[in-house]
Each structure stands twice: as C-alpha cells, then as structure tokens.
Protein backbone atom coordinates (compact mmCIF):
# COMPACT_ATOMS: atom_id res chain seq x y z
CA MET A 1 73.04 154.51 166.80
CA ASP A 2 72.35 158.03 165.65
CA LYS A 3 74.59 159.13 168.95
CA ALA A 4 77.20 157.15 167.91
CA ALA A 5 77.17 158.04 164.02
CA GLU A 6 76.80 161.93 164.97
CA MET A 7 80.17 161.24 167.10
CA LEU A 8 82.14 159.29 164.65
CA GLY A 9 81.46 161.97 161.67
CA PRO A 10 80.08 161.25 158.18
CA GLY A 11 83.68 159.90 157.18
CA VAL A 12 83.30 156.75 159.13
CA SER A 13 81.24 153.51 158.71
CA ILE A 14 79.83 151.44 161.52
CA ILE A 15 80.10 147.88 160.89
CA LEU A 16 78.46 145.50 163.16
CA LEU A 17 78.47 141.67 163.18
CA ALA A 18 75.34 140.24 164.60
CA LEU A 19 75.14 136.79 166.09
CA PRO A 20 72.84 134.55 164.75
CA GLY A 21 69.19 135.36 165.72
CA ALA A 22 70.28 139.03 166.65
CA GLU A 23 69.72 140.29 162.80
CA GLY A 24 66.23 141.71 163.55
CA PHE A 25 67.13 143.71 166.12
CA TYR A 26 69.75 145.77 163.84
CA SER A 27 67.04 146.12 160.94
CA LYS A 28 64.97 147.88 163.84
CA ILE A 29 67.39 150.48 164.65
CA GLY A 30 68.00 151.34 160.78
CA LEU A 31 71.14 149.18 160.01
CA THR A 32 71.16 147.72 156.38
CA GLN A 33 72.05 144.07 156.21
CA THR A 34 74.44 142.60 154.14
CA ASP A 35 75.45 139.24 153.17
CA ALA A 36 79.23 140.17 152.78
CA GLY A 37 80.66 140.36 156.22
CA PHE A 38 83.97 138.66 157.02
CA TYR A 39 86.47 138.74 160.07
CA ARG A 40 89.45 137.11 161.55
CA ASP A 41 89.01 135.93 165.03
CA ARG A 42 91.50 136.59 167.56
CA THR A 43 94.01 134.03 168.67
CA HIS A 44 94.35 135.33 172.20
CA ARG A 45 91.66 135.06 174.93
CA SER A 46 92.70 136.08 178.14
C-alpha cells in the first residue's frame, strides 16, 4: 500500500471494498476502516 500511495501521490485516495471476513487484513496493512462504503455493481459480466 505504501508503494501504491507513493506512486499515486498525495492528492489521490485509495479506497478498497473488503469482502466479508477480510476486514482485519486491511487494518493490518494500515488502512482506516469505515462503515460508510457504497458501490453499484457492474451489470455486464463477460
């Protein structure tokens, strides 16, 4: 994550949507957990 943040620069946020049960992993690598996450799934799956 540090390398990605370095490459993207300070003006870019990194947002990950964890699968159920994987939340602990992201905390361990230094990400802040939030309950306010939303997304719209894709409709085309080919």
